[in-house]
Amino acid sequence: MKVPPCCSACILRQASPFSNRPKARDFTNKKGFRNKELTERGREKNRRKSSVRAKVEHAFLIIKRIFGFAKVSYRGLMKNGCWQSMAPDV
C-alpha cells in the first residue's frame, strides 16, 4: 500500500531508482557532512569503491586510446595545419 508523499523529501525518495528494485545496490561513495563526519568504516568502504572504479576506468581509457574513440580538439597553429592537410588539392 503506497502512502501519499507528505513532503518533498518523500517525493524524491519515491522517485529513487532503487525504490522499485529491492535487490539493487548503491555503489556510489558516501559523503561526510559538517555536523556528521564519515566513520572509519565509511571511509574504508569509499576507498574500496574508489579502488575498483580506478581499475575499471583505467581499462576503458586504454581501450579508447587504442581504438581511437577519444575526442581530440586541436588548438591554434596545429588546428590550422590540420585543416590545410584535410583540404582537397585544388
Protein backbone atom coordinates (compact mmCIF):
# COMPACT_ATOMS: atom_id res chain seq x y z
CA MET A 1 0.00 0.00 0.00
CA LYS A 2 1.52 3.28 -1.11
CA VAL A 3 1.34 6.24 1.22
CA PRO A 4 0.96 9.65 -0.43
CA PRO A 5 4.08 11.81 -0.03
CA CYS A 6 3.95 14.32 2.78
CA CYS A 7 6.97 16.46 1.79
CA SER A 8 9.50 17.00 -0.99
CA ALA A 9 11.93 14.55 0.59
CA CYS A 10 9.33 11.80 0.44
CA ILE A 11 8.64 12.60 -3.21
CA LEU A 12 12.35 12.29 -4.02
CA ARG A 13 12.61 9.05 -2.06
CA GLN A 14 9.76 7.55 -4.08
CA ALA A 15 11.40 8.69 -7.32
CA SER A 16 14.68 6.98 -6.40
CA PRO A 17 15.89 4.40 -8.93
CA PHE A 18 16.25 1.95 -6.05
CA SER A 19 12.67 2.29 -4.79
CA ASN A 20 11.15 -0.29 -7.14
CA ARG A 21 14.23 -2.57 -7.23
CA PRO A 22 14.61 -4.14 -3.79
CA LYS A 23 17.81 -6.06 -4.66
CA ALA A 24 19.57 -3.11 -6.33
CA ARG A 25 22.67 -1.87 -4.56
CA ASP A 26 24.04 1.66 -4.49
CA PHE A 27 27.78 1.71 -5.25
CA THR A 28 28.31 5.47 -5.04
CA ASN A 29 30.63 6.92 -2.42
CA LYS A 30 29.03 8.34 0.69
CA LYS A 31 29.73 11.90 1.75
CA GLY A 32 30.53 13.25 5.18
CA PHE A 33 28.87 16.42 6.42
CA ARG A 34 29.97 19.25 8.66
CA ASN A 35 27.98 18.04 11.65
CA LYS A 36 28.37 14.30 10.92
CA GLU A 37 31.71 13.11 9.58
CA LEU A 38 32.22 9.73 7.94
CA THR A 39 33.15 6.89 10.24
CA GLU A 40 36.33 4.91 9.72
CA ARG A 41 34.25 2.08 8.26
CA GLY A 42 32.59 4.52 5.84
CA ARG A 43 35.98 5.85 4.73
CA GLU A 44 37.22 2.30 4.15
CA LYS A 45 34.14 1.46 2.07
CA ASN A 46 34.63 4.61 -0.04
CA ARG A 47 38.32 3.75 -0.50
CA ARG A 48 37.47 0.22 -1.67
CA LYS A 49 34.85 1.52 -4.13
CA SER A 50 37.27 4.12 -5.49
CA SER A 51 39.97 1.49 -5.93
CA VAL A 52 37.69 -0.71 -8.02
CA ARG A 53 36.44 2.28 -10.02
CA ALA A 54 40.01 3.40 -10.81
CA LYS A 55 40.96 -0.07 -12.09
CA VAL A 56 37.88 -0.32 -14.31
CA GLU A 57 38.15 3.21 -15.69
CA HIS A 58 41.85 2.69 -16.46
CA ALA A 59 40.96 -0.26 -18.69
CA PHE A 60 38.38 1.83 -20.56
CA LEU A 61 40.95 4.58 -21.06
CA ILE A 62 43.38 2.15 -22.68
CA ILE A 63 40.66 0.74 -24.94
CA LYS A 64 39.56 4.22 -26.01
CA ARG A 65 43.13 5.23 -26.84
CA ILE A 66 43.89 2.06 -28.81
CA PHE A 67 40.71 2.15 -30.88
CA GLY A 68 40.66 5.94 -31.29
CA PHE A 69 37.43 6.76 -29.51
CA ALA A 70 38.95 9.67 -27.59
CA LYS A 71 37.76 13.13 -28.53
CA VAL A 72 40.51 15.40 -29.78
CA SER A 73 40.42 19.15 -30.04
CA TYR A 74 43.15 20.94 -31.90
CA ARG A 75 44.03 24.49 -30.96
CA GLY A 76 45.95 27.32 -32.56
CA LEU A 77 48.53 26.67 -35.27
CA MET A 78 48.10 22.91 -35.01
CA LYS A 79 44.41 23.32 -35.91
CA ASN A 80 45.29 25.42 -38.96
CA GLY A 81 47.79 22.80 -40.13
CA CYS A 82 45.19 20.04 -39.82
CA TRP A 83 42.67 21.99 -41.87
CA GLN A 84 45.25 22.54 -44.60
CA SER A 85 46.15 18.86 -44.72
CA MET A 86 42.47 17.86 -44.86
CA ALA A 87 41.57 20.35 -47.62
CA PRO A 88 41.38 18.88 -51.12
CA ASP A 89 44.10 19.86 -53.53
CA VAL A 90 42.73 22.46 -55.91
